Amino acid sequence: MTATVTFTAAELLEMAQQLERNGAEFYSVAAMLPAAAGRRRSLMELAAWEEQHEKTFAEMQAGLAASEMPLTGEAALYVQALVDGHVFESNAHELLSRCQTVPDVLRTAIALEKESIVFYIGLRDMIPPSHRAQLDDILRQEMRHVAILTNELAALKAA
């Protein structure tokens, strides 16, 4: 027998905010690494984008109706699997302690961005339709982050 899992849209948007806080912290800490000196500006820009995404999710959360329906069934189980997979328990210092080089930092950042994209794609059908355009914009920006990081990684390999 499967346990009943329930989330509200507000809880999902709080998770999205936490994911963005984790991302901003990761980029801010990474930017201060001595080895990342040549990438400091782009890492700080990524941190600023993540902070803006957090604000957008907070605004979306504030705009939810008090009578919102809870998320149950397969959708809730999907979110629970992400939570159980520790997607939201990112510790920037711990993650970066495993990175020996700038390419390691960039590969880790790409993996984190991809995890957030997967979550946001799943979140898309779980939030009210009135918030989907904002989420789609964030999704495009997260995909752009992957492209930026991939280009930076390629530039390092080419050098």
C-alpha atoms as a PDB file:
ATOM      1  CA  MET A   1       0.000   0.000   0.000  1.00  0.00           C
ATOM      2  CA  THR A   2       1.336   3.413  -0.992  1.00  0.00           C
ATOM      3  CA  ALA A   3       1.378   6.192   1.579  1.00  0.00           C
ATOM      4  CA  THR A   4      -0.619   9.266   0.682  1.00  0.00           C
ATOM      5  CA  VAL A   5       1.569  12.214  -0.195  1.00  0.00           C
ATOM      6  CA  THR A   6       0.112  15.709  -0.450  1.00  0.00           C
ATOM      7  CA  PHE A   7       1.678  19.031  -1.391  1.00  0.00           C
ATOM      8  CA  THR A   8       0.081  22.397  -2.027  1.00  0.00           C
ATOM      9  CA  ALA A   9       1.156  24.755  -4.796  1.00  0.00           C
ATOM     10  CA  ALA A  10       2.492  27.054  -2.059  1.00  0.00           C
ATOM     11  CA  GLU A  11       4.726  24.263  -0.755  1.00  0.00           C
ATOM     12  CA  LEU A  12       5.979  23.517  -4.261  1.00  0.00           C
ATOM     13  CA  LEU A  13       6.814  27.165  -4.804  1.00  0.00           C
ATOM     14  CA  GLU A  14       8.639  27.234  -1.451  1.00  0.00           C
ATOM     15  CA  MET A  15      10.715  24.286  -2.678  1.00  0.00           C
ATOM     16  CA  ALA A  16      11.469  26.203  -5.867  1.00  0.00           C
ATOM     17  CA  GLN A  17      12.600  29.184  -3.779  1.00  0.00           C
ATOM     18  CA  GLN A  18      14.912  26.932  -1.767  1.00  0.00           C
ATOM     19  CA  LEU A  19      16.356  25.467  -4.951  1.00  0.00           C
ATOM     20  CA  GLU A  20      17.114  28.985  -6.185  1.00  0.00           C
ATOM     21  CA  ARG A  21      18.665  29.982  -2.835  1.00  0.00           C
ATOM     22  CA  ASN A  22      20.893  26.919  -3.071  1.00  0.00           C
ATOM     23  CA  GLY A  23      21.892  27.873  -6.603  1.00  0.00           C
ATOM     24  CA  ALA A  24      22.684  31.469  -5.665  1.00  0.00           C
ATOM     25  CA  GLU A  25      24.800  30.282  -2.748  1.00  0.00           C
ATOM     26  CA  PHE A  26      26.648  27.782  -4.937  1.00  0.00           C
ATOM     27  CA  TYR A  27      27.558  30.436  -7.526  1.00  0.00           C
ATOM     28  CA  SER A  28      28.503  33.027  -4.885  1.00  0.00           C
ATOM     29  CA  VAL A  29      30.785  30.607  -3.058  1.00  0.00           C
ATOM     30  CA  ALA A  30      32.262  29.295  -6.327  1.00  0.00           C
ATOM     31  CA  ALA A  31      33.026  32.848  -7.465  1.00  0.00           C
ATOM     32  CA  MET A  32      35.235  33.372  -4.414  1.00  0.00           C
ATOM     33  CA  LEU A  33      37.411  30.322  -5.088  1.00  0.00           C
ATOM     34  CA  PRO A  34      40.933  31.389  -6.072  1.00  0.00           C
ATOM     35  CA  ALA A  35      40.876  29.027  -9.057  1.00  0.00           C
ATOM     36  CA  ALA A  36      37.681  30.663 -10.348  1.00  0.00           C
ATOM     37  CA  ALA A  37      39.149  34.161 -10.556  1.00  0.00           C
ATOM     38  CA  GLY A  38      38.820  34.191 -14.347  1.00  0.00           C
ATOM     39  CA  ARG A  39      35.159  33.158 -14.110  1.00  0.00           C
ATOM     40  CA  ARG A  40      34.175  35.313 -11.111  1.00  0.00           C
ATOM     41  CA  ARG A  41      32.054  37.789 -13.094  1.00  0.00           C
ATOM     42  CA  SER A  42      29.978  35.149 -14.874  1.00  0.00           C
ATOM     43  CA  LEU A  43      29.492  33.155 -11.649  1.00  0.00           C
ATOM     44  CA  MET A  44      28.258  36.271  -9.833  1.00  0.00           C
ATOM     45  CA  GLU A  45      25.868  37.011 -12.718  1.00  0.00           C
ATOM     46  CA  LEU A  46      24.484  33.487 -12.401  1.00  0.00           C
ATOM     47  CA  ALA A  47      24.059  34.019  -8.640  1.00  0.00           C
ATOM     48  CA  ALA A  48      22.125  37.233  -9.322  1.00  0.00           C
ATOM     49  CA  TRP A  49      19.828  35.447 -11.784  1.00  0.00           C
ATOM     50  CA  GLU A  50      19.122  32.732  -9.219  1.00  0.00           C
ATOM     51  CA  GLU A  51      18.279  35.408  -6.623  1.00  0.00           C
ATOM     52  CA  GLN A  52      15.846  36.983  -9.098  1.00  0.00           C
ATOM     53  CA  HIS A  53      14.232  33.602  -9.735  1.00  0.00           C
ATOM     54  CA  GLU A  54      13.745  33.173  -5.981  1.00  0.00           C
ATOM     55  CA  LYS A  55      11.939  36.530  -5.862  1.00  0.00           C
ATOM     56  CA  THR A  56       9.738  35.521  -8.793  1.00  0.00           C
ATOM     57  CA  PHE A  57       8.743  32.280  -7.070  1.00  0.00           C
ATOM     58  CA  ALA A  58       7.986  34.219  -3.867  1.00  0.00           C
ATOM     59  CA  GLU A  59       5.727  36.568  -5.848  1.00  0.00           C
ATOM     60  CA  MET A  60       3.994  33.582  -7.440  1.00  0.00           C
ATOM     61  CA  GLN A  61       3.494  32.032  -4.004  1.00  0.00           C
ATOM     62  CA  ALA A  62       2.068  35.265  -2.607  1.00  0.00           C
ATOM     63  CA  GLY A  63      -0.447  35.365  -5.459  1.00  0.00           C
ATOM     64  CA  LEU A  64      -1.952  31.960  -4.747  1.00  0.00           C
ATOM     65  CA  ALA A  65      -5.553  31.708  -3.695  1.00  0.00           C
ATOM     66  CA  ALA A  66      -6.113  30.583  -0.132  1.00  0.00           C
ATOM     67  CA  SER A  67      -8.463  27.885  -1.408  1.00  0.00           C
ATOM     68  CA  GLU A  68      -5.908  26.184  -3.643  1.00  0.00           C
ATOM     69  CA  MET A  69      -6.322  22.450  -4.099  1.00  0.00           C
ATOM     70  CA  PRO A  70      -3.605  20.202  -2.688  1.00  0.00           C
ATOM     71  CA  LEU A  71      -1.464  18.197  -5.072  1.00  0.00           C
ATOM     72  CA  THR A  72      -1.961  14.455  -4.612  1.00  0.00           C
ATOM     73  CA  GLY A  73      -1.480  11.215  -6.526  1.00  0.00           C
ATOM     74  CA  GLU A  74       1.328  10.620  -9.007  1.00  0.00           C
ATOM     75  CA  ALA A  75       2.289  14.285  -9.172  1.00  0.00           C
ATOM     76  CA  ALA A  76       2.786  14.407  -5.405  1.00  0.00           C
ATOM     77  CA  LEU A  77       4.761  11.148  -5.522  1.00  0.00           C
ATOM     78  CA  TYR A  78       7.019  12.703  -8.177  1.00  0.00           C
ATOM     79  CA  VAL A  79       7.741  15.691  -5.953  1.00  0.00           C
ATOM     80  CA  GLN A  80       8.314  13.398  -2.968  1.00  0.00           C
ATOM     81  CA  ALA A  81      10.859  11.411  -5.011  1.00  0.00           C
ATOM     82  CA  LEU A  82      12.727  14.639  -5.769  1.00  0.00           C
ATOM     83  CA  VAL A  83      12.664  15.656  -2.118  1.00  0.00           C
ATOM     84  CA  ASP A  84      13.823  12.195  -1.050  1.00  0.00           C
ATOM     85  CA  GLY A  85      16.620  12.454  -3.625  1.00  0.00           C
ATOM     86  CA  HIS A  86      17.904  15.479  -1.696  1.00  0.00           C
ATOM     87  CA  VAL A  87      17.545  17.870  -4.635  1.00  0.00           C
ATOM     88  CA  PHE A  88      16.760  20.606  -2.114  1.00  0.00           C
ATOM     89  CA  GLU A  89      19.486  19.861   0.409  1.00  0.00           C
ATOM     90  CA  SER A  90      22.349  21.282  -1.593  1.00  0.00           C
ATOM     91  CA  ASN A  91      25.260  22.613   0.449  1.00  0.00           C
ATOM     92  CA  ALA A  92      27.490  24.851  -1.673  1.00  0.00           C
ATOM     93  CA  HIS A  93      30.579  24.391   0.479  1.00  0.00           C
ATOM     94  CA  GLU A  94      30.215  20.612   0.485  1.00  0.00           C
ATOM     95  CA  LEU A  95      29.596  20.447  -3.259  1.00  0.00           C
ATOM     96  CA  LEU A  96      32.517  22.714  -4.022  1.00  0.00           C
ATOM     97  CA  SER A  97      34.851  20.803  -1.692  1.00  0.00           C
ATOM     98  CA  ARG A  98      34.576  17.936  -4.192  1.00  0.00           C
ATOM     99  CA  CYS A  99      35.593  20.210  -7.075  1.00  0.00           C
ATOM    100  CA  GLN A 100      39.311  20.206  -7.719  1.00  0.00           C
ATOM    101  CA  THR A 101      39.334  22.427 -10.800  1.00  0.00           C
ATOM    102  CA  VAL A 102      37.277  25.117 -12.503  1.00  0.00           C
ATOM    103  CA  PRO A 103      35.984  22.534 -15.027  1.00  0.00           C
ATOM    104  CA  ASP A 104      34.766  20.491 -12.019  1.00  0.00           C
ATOM    105  CA  VAL A 105      32.902  23.559 -10.740  1.00  0.00           C
ATOM    106  CA  LEU A 106      31.334  24.147 -14.153  1.00  0.00           C
ATOM    107  CA  ARG A 107      30.305  20.482 -14.556  1.00  0.00           C
ATOM    108  CA  THR A 108      28.748  20.518 -11.071  1.00  0.00           C
ATOM    109  CA  ALA A 109      26.895  23.744 -11.894  1.00  0.00           C
ATOM    110  CA  ILE A 110      25.590  22.227 -15.143  1.00  0.00           C
ATOM    111  CA  ALA A 111      24.304  19.186 -13.232  1.00  0.00           C
ATOM    112  CA  LEU A 112      22.560  21.424 -10.669  1.00  0.00           C
ATOM    113  CA  GLU A 113      20.953  23.515 -13.397  1.00  0.00           C
ATOM    114  CA  LYS A 114      19.693  20.361 -15.110  1.00  0.00           C
ATOM    115  CA  GLU A 115      18.186  19.144 -11.819  1.00  0.00           C
ATOM    116  CA  SER A 116      16.350  22.429 -11.411  1.00  0.00           C
ATOM    117  CA  ILE A 117      15.058  22.231 -14.998  1.00  0.00           C
ATOM    118  CA  VAL A 118      13.689  18.736 -14.358  1.00  0.00           C
ATOM    119  CA  PHE A 119      11.920  19.958 -11.216  1.00  0.00           C
ATOM    120  CA  TYR A 120      10.468  23.021 -12.940  1.00  0.00           C
ATOM    121  CA  ILE A 121       9.191  20.972 -15.883  1.00  0.00           C
ATOM    122  CA  GLY A 122       7.412  18.723 -13.384  1.00  0.00           C
ATOM    123  CA  LEU A 123       6.164  21.752 -11.459  1.00  0.00           C
ATOM    124  CA  ARG A 124       4.665  23.318 -14.581  1.00  0.00           C
ATOM    125  CA  ASP A 125       1.492  21.234 -14.573  1.00  0.00           C
ATOM    126  CA  MET A 126       1.172  21.398 -10.790  1.00  0.00           C
ATOM    127  CA  ILE A 127       0.797  25.151 -10.396  1.00  0.00           C
ATOM    128  CA  PRO A 128      -2.155  27.332 -11.361  1.00  0.00           C
ATOM    129  CA  PRO A 129      -2.265  28.222 -15.085  1.00  0.00           C
ATOM    130  CA  SER A 130      -1.984  31.915 -14.176  1.00  0.00           C
ATOM    131  CA  HIS A 131       1.648  31.303 -13.076  1.00  0.00           C
ATOM    132  CA  ARG A 132       2.838  29.170 -15.980  1.00  0.00           C
ATOM    133  CA  ALA A 133       4.145  32.016 -18.120  1.00  0.00           C
ATOM    134  CA  GLN A 134       6.437  33.116 -15.287  1.00  0.00           C
ATOM    135  CA  LEU A 135       7.637  29.548 -14.790  1.00  0.00           C
ATOM    136  CA  ASP A 136       8.233  29.150 -18.530  1.00  0.00           C
ATOM    137  CA  ASP A 137      10.398  32.283 -18.445  1.00  0.00           C
ATOM    138  CA  ILE A 138      12.449  30.857 -15.576  1.00  0.00           C
ATOM    139  CA  LEU A 139      12.780  27.554 -17.444  1.00  0.00           C
ATOM    140  CA  ARG A 140      14.186  29.386 -20.488  1.00  0.00           C
ATOM    141  CA  GLN A 141      16.649  31.229 -18.259  1.00  0.00           C
ATOM    142  CA  GLU A 142      17.769  28.005 -16.555  1.00  0.00           C
ATOM    143  CA  MET A 143      18.349  26.467 -19.995  1.00  0.00           C
ATOM    144  CA  ARG A 144      20.352  29.547 -20.896  1.00  0.00           C
ATOM    145  CA  HIS A 145      22.460  28.987 -17.758  1.00  0.00           C
ATOM    146  CA  VAL A 146      23.274  25.476 -18.986  1.00  0.00           C
ATOM    147  CA  ALA A 147      24.312  26.936 -22.346  1.00  0.00           C
ATOM    148  CA  ILE A 148      26.497  29.600 -20.705  1.00  0.00           C
ATOM    149  CA  LEU A 149      28.193  27.068 -18.445  1.00  0.00           C
ATOM    150  CA  THR A 150      28.678  24.602 -21.301  1.00  0.00           C
ATOM    151  CA  ASN A 151      30.277  27.328 -23.430  1.00  0.00           C
ATOM    152  CA  GLU A 152      32.593  28.290 -20.566  1.00  0.00           C
ATOM    153  CA  LEU A 153      33.580  24.652 -20.115  1.00  0.00           C
ATOM    154  CA  ALA A 154      34.256  24.315 -23.854  1.00  0.00           C
ATOM    155  CA  ALA A 155      36.368  27.493 -23.801  1.00  0.00           C
ATOM    156  CA  LEU A 156      38.501  26.046 -20.997  1.00  0.00           C
ATOM    157  CA  LYS A 157      39.028  22.816 -22.939  1.00  0.00           C
ATOM    158  CA  ALA A 158      39.986  24.768 -26.055  1.00  0.00           C
ATOM    159  CA  ALA A 159      42.546  26.890 -24.183  1.00  0.00           C
END
